[in-house]
PDB file of N, CA and C in Angstrom:
ATOM      1  N   UNK A   1     -68.735   9.548 -37.213  1.00  0.00           N
ATOM      2  CA  UNK A   1     -69.039   8.694 -38.335  1.00  0.00           C
ATOM      3  C   UNK A   1     -67.912   7.682 -38.506  1.00  0.00           C
ATOM      4  N   UNK A   2     -68.292   6.472 -38.880  1.00  0.00           N
ATOM      5  CA  UNK A   2     -67.330   5.429 -39.192  1.00  0.00           C
ATOM      6  C   UNK A   2     -67.205   5.338 -40.704  1.00  0.00           C
ATOM      7  N   UNK A   3     -65.993   5.523 -41.196  1.00  0.00           N
ATOM      8  CA  UNK A   3     -65.693   5.420 -42.621  1.00  0.00           C
ATOM      9  C   UNK A   3     -65.050   4.055 -42.844  1.00  0.00           C
ATOM     10  N   UNK A   4     -65.614   3.263 -43.756  1.00  0.00           N
ATOM     11  CA  UNK A   4     -65.121   1.915 -44.017  1.00  0.00           C
ATOM     12  C   UNK A   4     -64.608   1.861 -45.452  1.00  0.00           C
ATOM     13  N   UNK A   5     -63.367   1.425 -45.594  1.00  0.00           N
ATOM     14  CA  UNK A   5     -62.752   1.311 -46.926  1.00  0.00           C
ATOM     15  C   UNK A   5     -62.297  -0.128 -47.108  1.00  0.00           C
ATOM     16  N   UNK A   6     -62.595  -0.703 -48.292  1.00  0.00           N
ATOM     17  CA  UNK A   6     -62.206  -2.087 -48.547  1.00  0.00           C
ATOM     18  C   UNK A   6     -61.344  -2.264 -49.791  1.00  0.00           C
ATOM     19  N   UNK A   7     -61.005  -1.198 -50.477  1.00  0.00           N
ATOM     20  CA  UNK A   7     -60.214  -1.299 -51.709  1.00  0.00           C
ATOM     21  C   UNK A   7     -58.758  -0.912 -51.446  1.00  0.00           C
ATOM     22  N   UNK A   8     -57.856  -1.592 -52.127  1.00  0.00           N
ATOM     23  CA  UNK A   8     -56.436  -1.270 -52.034  1.00  0.00           C
ATOM     24  C   UNK A   8     -56.208   0.180 -52.454  1.00  0.00           C
ATOM     25  N   UNK A   9     -55.325   0.890 -51.761  1.00  0.00           N
ATOM     26  CA  UNK A   9     -55.063   2.278 -52.135  1.00  0.00           C
ATOM     27  C   UNK A   9     -54.411   2.421 -53.510  1.00  0.00           C
ATOM     28  N   UNK A  10     -53.847   1.339 -54.038  1.00  0.00           N
ATOM     29  CA  UNK A  10     -53.222   1.407 -55.360  1.00  0.00           C
ATOM     30  C   UNK A  10     -54.165   0.965 -56.470  1.00  0.00           C
ATOM     31  N   UNK A  11     -55.317   0.389 -56.118  1.00  0.00           N
ATOM     32  CA  UNK A  11     -56.242  -0.128 -57.127  1.00  0.00           C
ATOM     33  C   UNK A  11     -57.470   0.742 -57.344  1.00  0.00           C
ATOM     34  N   UNK A  12     -57.823   1.562 -56.355  1.00  0.00           N
ATOM     35  CA  UNK A  12     -59.043   2.366 -56.454  1.00  0.00           C
ATOM     36  C   UNK A  12     -58.868   3.645 -55.629  1.00  0.00           C
ATOM     37  N   UNK A  13     -59.609   4.689 -55.977  1.00  0.00           N
ATOM     38  CA  UNK A  13     -59.480   5.966 -55.253  1.00  0.00           C
ATOM     39  C   UNK A  13     -60.314   6.053 -53.973  1.00  0.00           C
ATOM     40  N   UNK A  14     -60.885   4.949 -53.507  1.00  0.00           N
ATOM     41  CA  UNK A  14     -61.775   5.002 -52.351  1.00  0.00           C
ATOM     42  C   UNK A  14     -61.099   5.573 -51.106  1.00  0.00           C
ATOM     43  N   UNK A  15     -59.900   5.117 -50.797  1.00  0.00           N
ATOM     44  CA  UNK A  15     -59.209   5.606 -49.603  1.00  0.00           C
ATOM     45  C   UNK A  15     -58.883   7.087 -49.745  1.00  0.00           C
ATOM     46  N   UNK A  16     -58.378   7.469 -50.890  1.00  0.00           N
ATOM     47  CA  UNK A  16     -58.055   8.880 -51.126  1.00  0.00           C
ATOM     48  C   UNK A  16     -59.293   9.751 -50.934  1.00  0.00           C
ATOM     49  N   UNK A  17     -60.420   9.330 -51.465  1.00  0.00           N
ATOM     50  CA  UNK A  17     -61.666  10.090 -51.309  1.00  0.00           C
ATOM     51  C   UNK A  17     -62.090  10.149 -49.848  1.00  0.00           C
ATOM     52  N   UNK A  18     -62.015   9.026 -49.168  1.00  0.00           N
ATOM     53  CA  UNK A  18     -62.401   8.993 -47.754  1.00  0.00           C
ATOM     54  C   UNK A  18     -61.542   9.932 -46.924  1.00  0.00           C
ATOM     55  N   UNK A  19     -60.244   9.918 -47.164  1.00  0.00           N
ATOM     56  CA  UNK A  19     -59.346  10.787 -46.402  1.00  0.00           C
ATOM     57  C   UNK A  19     -59.577  12.254 -46.719  1.00  0.00           C
ATOM     58  N   UNK A  20     -59.863  12.554 -47.962  1.00  0.00           N
ATOM     59  CA  UNK A  20     -60.060  13.935 -48.385  1.00  0.00           C
ATOM     60  C   UNK A  20     -61.385  14.510 -47.881  1.00  0.00           C
ATOM     61  N   UNK A  21     -62.433  13.697 -47.854  1.00  0.00           N
ATOM     62  CA  UNK A  21     -63.771  14.205 -47.572  1.00  0.00           C
ATOM     63  C   UNK A  21     -64.270  13.959 -46.155  1.00  0.00           C
ATOM     64  N   UNK A  22     -63.600  13.105 -45.410  1.00  0.00           N
ATOM     65  CA  UNK A  22     -64.067  12.815 -44.053  1.00  0.00           C
ATOM     66  C   UNK A  22     -63.620  13.898 -43.087  1.00  0.00           C
ATOM     67  N   UNK A  23     -64.444  14.099 -42.099  1.00  0.00           N
ATOM     68  CA  UNK A  23     -64.081  15.024 -41.028  1.00  0.00           C
ATOM     69  C   UNK A  23     -63.469  14.226 -39.896  1.00  0.00           C
ATOM     70  N   UNK A  24     -64.099  14.285 -38.759  1.00  0.00           N
ATOM     71  CA  UNK A  24     -63.610  13.518 -37.612  1.00  0.00           C
ATOM     72  C   UNK A  24     -64.349  12.186 -37.557  1.00  0.00           C
ATOM     73  N   UNK A  25     -63.965  11.358 -36.624  1.00  0.00           N
ATOM     74  CA  UNK A  25     -64.606  10.066 -36.461  1.00  0.00           C
ATOM     75  C   UNK A  25     -63.594   8.955 -36.503  1.00  0.00           C
ATOM     76  N   UNK A  26     -63.950   7.898 -37.224  1.00  0.00           N
ATOM     77  CA  UNK A  26     -63.089   6.724 -37.283  1.00  0.00           C
ATOM     78  C   UNK A  26     -63.017   6.207 -38.717  1.00  0.00           C
ATOM     79  N   UNK A  27     -61.889   5.580 -39.030  1.00  0.00           N
ATOM     80  CA  UNK A  27     -61.655   4.966 -40.331  1.00  0.00           C
ATOM     81  C   UNK A  27     -61.312   3.509 -40.083  1.00  0.00           C
ATOM     82  N   UNK A  28     -62.034   2.611 -40.752  1.00  0.00           N
ATOM     83  CA  UNK A  28     -61.764   1.186 -40.637  1.00  0.00           C
ATOM     84  C   UNK A  28     -61.329   0.661 -41.995  1.00  0.00           C
ATOM     85  N   UNK A  29     -60.162   0.052 -42.027  1.00  0.00           N
ATOM     86  CA  UNK A  29     -59.618  -0.527 -43.249  1.00  0.00           C
ATOM     87  C   UNK A  29     -59.849  -2.032 -43.212  1.00  0.00           C
ATOM     88  N   UNK A  30     -60.529  -2.549 -44.250  1.00  0.00           N
ATOM     89  CA  UNK A  30     -60.832  -3.973 -44.329  1.00  0.00           C
ATOM     90  C   UNK A  30     -60.426  -4.499 -45.709  1.00  0.00           C
ATOM     91  N   UNK A  31     -60.466  -5.811 -45.863  1.00  0.00           N
ATOM     92  CA  UNK A  31     -60.147  -6.474 -47.129  1.00  0.00           C
ATOM     93  C   UNK A  31     -58.822  -5.925 -47.679  1.00  0.00           C
ATOM     94  N   UNK A  32     -58.753  -5.558 -48.958  1.00  0.00           N
ATOM     95  CA  UNK A  32     -57.487  -5.098 -49.533  1.00  0.00           C
ATOM     96  C   UNK A  32     -57.065  -3.706 -49.063  1.00  0.00           C
ATOM     97  N   UNK A  33     -57.943  -2.984 -48.421  1.00  0.00           N
ATOM     98  CA  UNK A  33     -57.562  -1.668 -47.888  1.00  0.00           C
ATOM     99  C   UNK A  33     -56.578  -1.778 -46.735  1.00  0.00           C
ATOM    100  N   UNK A  34     -56.424  -2.985 -46.174  1.00  0.00           N
ATOM    101  CA  UNK A  34     -55.485  -3.146 -45.064  1.00  0.00           C
ATOM    102  C   UNK A  34     -54.052  -2.824 -45.478  1.00  0.00           C
ATOM    103  N   UNK A  35     -53.749  -2.900 -46.766  1.00  0.00           N
ATOM    104  CA  UNK A  35     -52.402  -2.533 -47.212  1.00  0.00           C
ATOM    105  C   UNK A  35     -52.072  -1.086 -46.853  1.00  0.00           C
ATOM    106  N   UNK A  36     -53.085  -0.235 -46.776  1.00  0.00           N
ATOM    107  CA  UNK A  36     -52.869   1.166 -46.421  1.00  0.00           C
ATOM    108  C   UNK A  36     -52.433   1.336 -44.965  1.00  0.00           C
ATOM    109  N   UNK A  37     -52.618   0.314 -44.160  1.00  0.00           N
ATOM    110  CA  UNK A  37     -52.245   0.369 -42.741  1.00  0.00           C
ATOM    111  C   UNK A  37     -50.809  -0.048 -42.493  1.00  0.00           C
ATOM    112  N   UNK A  38     -50.070  -0.328 -43.555  1.00  0.00           N
ATOM    113  CA  UNK A  38     -48.715  -0.833 -43.390  1.00  0.00           C
ATOM    114  C   UNK A  38     -47.659   0.236 -43.677  1.00  0.00           C
ATOM    115  N   UNK A  39     -46.509   0.044 -43.036  1.00  0.00           N
ATOM    116  CA  UNK A  39     -45.382   0.950 -43.262  1.00  0.00           C
ATOM    117  C   UNK A  39     -44.864   0.789 -44.693  1.00  0.00           C
ATOM    118  N   UNK A  40     -44.503   1.895 -45.303  1.00  0.00           N
ATOM    119  CA  UNK A  40     -43.866   1.864 -46.611  1.00  0.00           C
ATOM    120  C   UNK A  40     -44.799   1.781 -47.799  1.00  0.00           C
ATOM    121  N   UNK A  41     -46.089   1.876 -47.593  1.00  0.00           N
ATOM    122  CA  UNK A  41     -47.013   1.824 -48.721  1.00  0.00           C
ATOM    123  C   UNK A  41     -47.278   3.234 -49.239  1.00  0.00           C
ATOM    124  N   UNK A  42     -47.782   3.379 -50.450  1.00  0.00           N
ATOM    125  CA  UNK A  42     -48.001   4.711 -51.029  1.00  0.00           C
ATOM    126  C   UNK A  42     -48.993   5.582 -50.254  1.00  0.00           C
ATOM    127  N   UNK A  43     -49.877   4.978 -49.481  1.00  0.00           N
ATOM    128  CA  UNK A  43     -50.888   5.744 -48.744  1.00  0.00           C
ATOM    129  C   UNK A  43     -50.454   6.093 -47.318  1.00  0.00           C
ATOM    130  N   UNK A  44     -49.256   5.695 -46.927  1.00  0.00           N
ATOM    131  CA  UNK A  44     -48.825   5.882 -45.533  1.00  0.00           C
ATOM    132  C   UNK A  44     -48.871   7.341 -45.094  1.00  0.00           C
ATOM    133  N   UNK A  45     -48.402   8.240 -45.918  1.00  0.00           N
ATOM    134  CA  UNK A  45     -48.396   9.665 -45.536  1.00  0.00           C
ATOM    135  C   UNK A  45     -49.813  10.177 -45.312  1.00  0.00           C
ATOM    136  N   UNK A  46     -50.741   9.792 -46.174  1.00  0.00           N
ATOM    137  CA  UNK A  46     -52.130  10.218 -46.021  1.00  0.00           C
ATOM    138  C   UNK A  46     -52.770   9.661 -44.763  1.00  0.00           C
ATOM    139  N   UNK A  47     -52.454   8.419 -44.443  1.00  0.00           N
ATOM    140  CA  UNK A  47     -52.975   7.799 -43.220  1.00  0.00           C
ATOM    141  C   UNK A  47     -52.408   8.513 -42.002  1.00  0.00           C
ATOM    142  N   UNK A  48     -51.120   8.771 -41.990  1.00  0.00           N
ATOM    143  CA  UNK A  48     -50.494   9.456 -40.847  1.00  0.00           C
ATOM    144  C   UNK A  48     -51.097  10.845 -40.652  1.00  0.00           C
ATOM    145  N   UNK A  49     -51.328  11.554 -41.733  1.00  0.00           N
ATOM    146  CA  UNK A  49     -51.941  12.881 -41.647  1.00  0.00           C
ATOM    147  C   UNK A  49     -53.370  12.784 -41.114  1.00  0.00           C
ATOM    148  N   UNK A  50     -54.117  11.794 -41.566  1.00  0.00           N
ATOM    149  CA  UNK A  50     -55.507  11.617 -41.143  1.00  0.00           C
ATOM    150  C   UNK A  50     -55.622  11.254 -39.670  1.00  0.00           C
ATOM    151  N   UNK A  51     -54.586  10.656 -39.102  1.00  0.00           N
ATOM    152  CA  UNK A  51     -54.629  10.261 -37.696  1.00  0.00           C
ATOM    153  C   UNK A  51     -54.794  11.451 -36.763  1.00  0.00           C
ATOM    154  N   UNK A  52     -54.568  12.649 -37.242  1.00  0.00           N
ATOM    155  CA  UNK A  52     -54.775  13.842 -36.416  1.00  0.00           C
ATOM    156  C   UNK A  52     -56.262  14.098 -36.186  1.00  0.00           C
ATOM    157  N   UNK A  53     -57.124  13.595 -37.081  1.00  0.00           N
ATOM    158  CA  UNK A  53     -58.556  13.850 -36.952  1.00  0.00           C
ATOM    159  C   UNK A  53     -59.417  12.591 -36.927  1.00  0.00           C
ATOM    160  N   UNK A  54     -58.829  11.465 -37.325  1.00  0.00           N
ATOM    161  CA  UNK A  54     -59.551  10.205 -37.374  1.00  0.00           C
ATOM    162  C   UNK A  54     -58.828   9.143 -36.555  1.00  0.00           C
ATOM    163  N   UNK A  55     -59.581   8.344 -35.852  1.00  0.00           N
ATOM    164  CA  UNK A  55     -59.023   7.165 -35.210  1.00  0.00           C
ATOM    165  C   UNK A  55     -59.003   6.088 -36.286  1.00  0.00           C
ATOM    166  N   UNK A  56     -57.839   5.506 -36.553  1.00  0.00           N
ATOM    167  CA  UNK A  56     -57.694   4.555 -37.652  1.00  0.00           C
ATOM    168  C   UNK A  56     -57.607   3.133 -37.097  1.00  0.00           C
ATOM    169  N   UNK A  57     -58.440   2.261 -37.667  1.00  0.00           N
ATOM    170  CA  UNK A  57     -58.503   0.853 -37.287  1.00  0.00           C
ATOM    171  C   UNK A  57     -58.246   0.000 -38.518  1.00  0.00           C
ATOM    172  N   UNK A  58     -57.768  -1.206 -38.290  1.00  0.00           N
ATOM    173  CA  UNK A  58     -57.580  -2.174 -39.368  1.00  0.00           C
ATOM    174  C   UNK A  58     -58.098  -3.527 -38.883  1.00  0.00           C
ATOM    175  N   UNK A  59     -58.766  -4.243 -39.775  1.00  0.00           N
ATOM    176  CA  UNK A  59     -59.304  -5.549 -39.435  1.00  0.00           C
ATOM    177  C   UNK A  59     -58.166  -6.565 -39.437  1.00  0.00           C
ATOM    178  N   UNK A  60     -57.814  -7.041 -38.250  1.00  0.00           N
ATOM    179  CA  UNK A  60     -56.652  -7.918 -38.068  1.00  0.00           C
ATOM    180  C   UNK A  60     -56.718  -9.206 -38.894  1.00  0.00           C
ATOM    181  N   UNK A  61     -57.860  -9.898 -38.964  1.00  0.00           N
ATOM    182  CA  UNK A  61     -57.874 -11.125 -39.776  1.00  0.00           C
ATOM    183  C   UNK A  61     -57.543 -10.870 -41.257  1.00  0.00           C
ATOM    184  N   UNK A  62     -57.978  -9.745 -41.795  1.00  0.00           N
ATOM    185  CA  UNK A  62     -57.651  -9.415 -43.186  1.00  0.00           C
ATOM    186  C   UNK A  62     -56.170  -9.087 -43.339  1.00  0.00           C
ATOM    187  N   UNK A  63     -55.616  -8.409 -42.349  1.00  0.00           N
ATOM    188  CA  UNK A  63     -54.196  -8.073 -42.353  1.00  0.00           C
ATOM    189  C   UNK A  63     -53.353  -9.344 -42.278  1.00  0.00           C
ATOM    190  N   UNK A  64     -53.737 -10.244 -41.403  1.00  0.00           N
ATOM    191  CA  UNK A  64     -53.017 -11.507 -41.235  1.00  0.00           C
ATOM    192  C   UNK A  64     -53.130 -12.380 -42.485  1.00  0.00           C
ATOM    193  N   UNK A  65     -54.296 -12.387 -43.119  1.00  0.00           N
ATOM    194  CA  UNK A  65     -54.497 -13.193 -44.324  1.00  0.00           C
ATOM    195  C   UNK A  65     -53.590 -12.745 -45.466  1.00  0.00           C
ATOM    196  N   UNK A  66     -53.165 -11.484 -45.424  1.00  0.00           N
ATOM    197  CA  UNK A  66     -52.301 -10.941 -46.466  1.00  0.00           C
ATOM    198  C   UNK A  66     -50.829 -10.923 -46.041  1.00  0.00           C
ATOM    199  N   UNK A  67     -50.538 -11.498 -44.885  1.00  0.00           N
ATOM    200  CA  UNK A  67     -49.159 -11.587 -44.414  1.00  0.00           C
ATOM    201  C   UNK A  67     -48.554 -10.251 -44.037  1.00  0.00           C
ATOM    202  N   UNK A  68     -49.362  -9.297 -43.603  1.00  0.00           N
ATOM    203  CA  UNK A  68     -48.879  -7.946 -43.323  1.00  0.00           C
ATOM    204  C   UNK A  68     -48.970  -7.561 -41.843  1.00  0.00           C
ATOM    205  N   UNK A  69     -49.263  -8.502 -40.979  1.00  0.00           N
ATOM    206  CA  UNK A  69     -49.495  -8.191 -39.565  1.00  0.00           C
ATOM    207  C   UNK A  69     -48.283  -7.587 -38.869  1.00  0.00           C
ATOM    208  N   UNK A  70     -47.088  -7.846 -39.359  1.00  0.00           N
ATOM    209  CA  UNK A  70     -45.888  -7.326 -38.713  1.00  0.00           C
ATOM    210  C   UNK A  70     -45.448  -5.972 -39.269  1.00  0.00           C
ATOM    211  N   UNK A  71     -46.252  -5.358 -40.128  1.00  0.00           N
ATOM    212  CA  UNK A  71     -45.859  -4.099 -40.780  1.00  0.00           C
ATOM    213  C   UNK A  71     -46.829  -2.954 -40.504  1.00  0.00           C
ATOM    214  N   UNK A  72     -47.619  -3.041 -39.450  1.00  0.00           N
ATOM    215  CA  UNK A  72     -48.644  -2.037 -39.173  1.00  0.00           C
ATOM    216  C   UNK A  72     -48.014  -0.704 -38.755  1.00  0.00           C
ATOM    217  N   UNK A  73     -48.516   0.363 -39.338  1.00  0.00           N
ATOM    218  CA  UNK A  73     -48.071   1.716 -39.010  1.00  0.00           C
ATOM    219  C   UNK A  73     -48.420   2.041 -37.563  1.00  0.00           C
ATOM    220  N   UNK A  74     -47.525   2.720 -36.864  1.00  0.00           N
ATOM    221  CA  UNK A  74     -47.766   3.120 -35.479  1.00  0.00           C
ATOM    222  C   UNK A  74     -49.048   3.933 -35.366  1.00  0.00           C
ATOM    223  N   UNK A  75     -49.787   3.687 -34.294  1.00  0.00           N
ATOM    224  CA  UNK A  75     -50.995   4.446 -34.019  1.00  0.00           C
ATOM    225  C   UNK A  75     -52.268   3.861 -34.603  1.00  0.00           C
ATOM    226  N   UNK A  76     -52.141   2.811 -35.402  1.00  0.00           N
ATOM    227  CA  UNK A  76     -53.316   2.159 -35.967  1.00  0.00           C
ATOM    228  C   UNK A  76     -53.713   1.013 -35.043  1.00  0.00           C
ATOM    229  N   UNK A  77     -54.999   0.932 -34.745  1.00  0.00           N
ATOM    230  CA  UNK A  77     -55.516  -0.066 -33.828  1.00  0.00           C
ATOM    231  C   UNK A  77     -56.058  -1.271 -34.595  1.00  0.00           C
ATOM    232  N   UNK A  78     -55.614  -2.457 -34.204  1.00  0.00           N
ATOM    233  CA  UNK A  78     -56.119  -3.679 -34.809  1.00  0.00           C
ATOM    234  C   UNK A  78     -57.402  -4.102 -34.106  1.00  0.00           C
ATOM    235  N   UNK A  79     -58.387  -4.540 -34.896  1.00  0.00           N
ATOM    236  CA  UNK A  79     -59.636  -5.052 -34.341  1.00  0.00           C
ATOM    237  C   UNK A  79     -59.955  -6.391 -34.992  1.00  0.00           C
ATOM    238  N   UNK A  80     -60.660  -7.227 -34.238  1.00  0.00           N
ATOM    239  CA  UNK A  80     -61.144  -8.486 -34.790  1.00  0.00           C
ATOM    240  C   UNK A  80     -62.585  -8.257 -35.260  1.00  0.00           C
ATOM    241  N   UNK A  81     -63.279  -9.330 -35.643  1.00  0.00           N
ATOM    242  CA  UNK A  81     -64.653  -9.168 -36.140  1.00  0.00           C
ATOM    243  C   UNK A  81     -65.578  -8.603 -35.069  1.00  0.00           C
ATOM    244  N   UNK A  82     -65.375  -9.002 -33.835  1.00  0.00           N
ATOM    245  CA  UNK A  82     -66.178  -8.455 -32.739  1.00  0.00           C
ATOM    246  C   UNK A  82     -65.923  -6.956 -32.595  1.00  0.00           C
ATOM    247  N   UNK A  83     -64.662  -6.548 -32.747  1.00  0.00           N
ATOM    248  CA  UNK A  83     -64.329  -5.130 -32.694  1.00  0.00           C
ATOM    249  C   UNK A  83     -64.951  -4.358 -33.841  1.00  0.00           C
ATOM    250  N   UNK A  84     -65.051  -4.980 -35.008  1.00  0.00           N
ATOM    251  CA  UNK A  84     -65.715  -4.383 -36.165  1.00  0.00           C
ATOM    252  C   UNK A  84     -67.172  -4.073 -35.804  1.00  0.00           C
ATOM    253  N   UNK A  85     -67.837  -5.063 -35.223  1.00  0.00           N
ATOM    254  CA  UNK A  85     -69.234  -4.872 -34.818  1.00  0.00           C
ATOM    255  C   UNK A  85     -69.337  -3.766 -33.773  1.00  0.00           C
ATOM    256  N   UNK A  86     -68.428  -3.757 -32.812  1.00  0.00           N
ATOM    257  CA  UNK A  86     -68.428  -2.712 -31.782  1.00  0.00           C
ATOM    258  C   UNK A  86     -68.291  -1.324 -32.405  1.00  0.00           C
ATOM    259  N   UNK A  87     -67.447  -1.187 -33.422  1.00  0.00           N
ATOM    260  CA  UNK A  87     -67.280   0.104 -34.084  1.00  0.00           C
ATOM    261  C   UNK A  87     -68.570   0.542 -34.778  1.00  0.00           C
ATOM    262  N   UNK A  88     -69.251  -0.391 -35.414  1.00  0.00           N
ATOM    263  CA  UNK A  88     -70.515  -0.062 -36.084  1.00  0.00           C
ATOM    264  C   UNK A  88     -71.558   0.370 -35.056  1.00  0.00           C
ATOM    265  N   UNK A  89     -71.606  -0.304 -33.925  1.00  0.00           N
ATOM    266  CA  UNK A  89     -72.553   0.055 -32.870  1.00  0.00           C
ATOM    267  C   UNK A  89     -72.205   1.419 -32.282  1.00  0.00           C
ATOM    268  N   UNK A  90     -70.927   1.670 -32.088  1.00  0.00           N
ATOM    269  CA  UNK A  90     -70.461   2.927 -31.490  1.00  0.00           C
ATOM    270  C   UNK A  90     -70.728   4.129 -32.384  1.00  0.00           C
ATOM    271  N   UNK A  91     -70.693   3.921 -33.685  1.00  0.00           N
ATOM    272  CA  UNK A  91     -70.884   5.014 -34.644  1.00  0.00           C
ATOM    273  C   UNK A  91     -72.208   4.808 -35.378  1.00  0.00           C
ATOM    274  N   UNK A  92     -73.241   5.559 -35.008  1.00  0.00           N
ATOM    275  CA  UNK A  92     -74.553   5.343 -35.630  1.00  0.00           C
ATOM    276  C   UNK A  92     -74.586   5.627 -37.136  1.00  0.00           C
ATOM    277  N   UNK A  93     -73.625   6.382 -37.614  1.00  0.00           N
ATOM    278  CA  UNK A  93     -73.538   6.671 -39.048  1.00  0.00           C
ATOM    279  C   UNK A  93     -72.279   6.014 -39.603  1.00  0.00           C
ATOM    280  N   UNK A  94     -72.460   5.227 -40.666  1.00  0.00           N
ATOM    281  CA  UNK A  94     -71.344   4.552 -41.322  1.00  0.00           C
ATOM    282  C   UNK A  94     -71.370   4.881 -42.804  1.00  0.00           C
ATOM    283  N   UNK A  95     -70.201   5.105 -43.355  1.00  0.00           N
ATOM    284  CA  UNK A  95     -70.051   5.378 -44.784  1.00  0.00           C
ATOM    285  C   UNK A  95     -69.055   4.391 -45.348  1.00  0.00           C
ATOM    286  N   UNK A  96     -69.507   3.584 -46.299  1.00  0.00           N
ATOM    287  CA  UNK A  96     -68.608   2.668 -46.986  1.00  0.00           C
ATOM    288  C   UNK A  96     -68.168   3.334 -48.272  1.00  0.00           C
ATOM    289  N   UNK A  97     -66.873   3.419 -48.452  1.00  0.00           N
ATOM    290  CA  UNK A  97     -66.297   4.082 -49.625  1.00  0.00           C
ATOM    291  C   UNK A  97     -65.970   3.025 -50.681  1.00  0.00           C
ATOM    292  N   UNK A  98     -66.597   3.157 -51.836  1.00  0.00           N
ATOM    293  CA  UNK A  98     -66.419   2.178 -52.907  1.00  0.00           C
ATOM    294  C   UNK A  98     -65.485   2.656 -53.981  1.00  0.00           C
TER     295      UNK A  98
END
């Protein structure tokens, strides 16, 4: 399953819920959720722990738009819009966390 989160980890509980309730699969961080993919943010420990069971991706254009491209946590894969589409195709089940 592909889990998609678009809310900042400091503004909404969507990421926390996704990390707590998801099993295996992939996690894609988009829009303001890209802050969770950076070093030194409050969600970093949860993301690092989740990497044991989830492949974590971040939408590069959203990361770049927020000036955070140079702060990505190790092990997180950057994808462009085409990569986003590829992830949706690869995972027949997608869950967007609001």
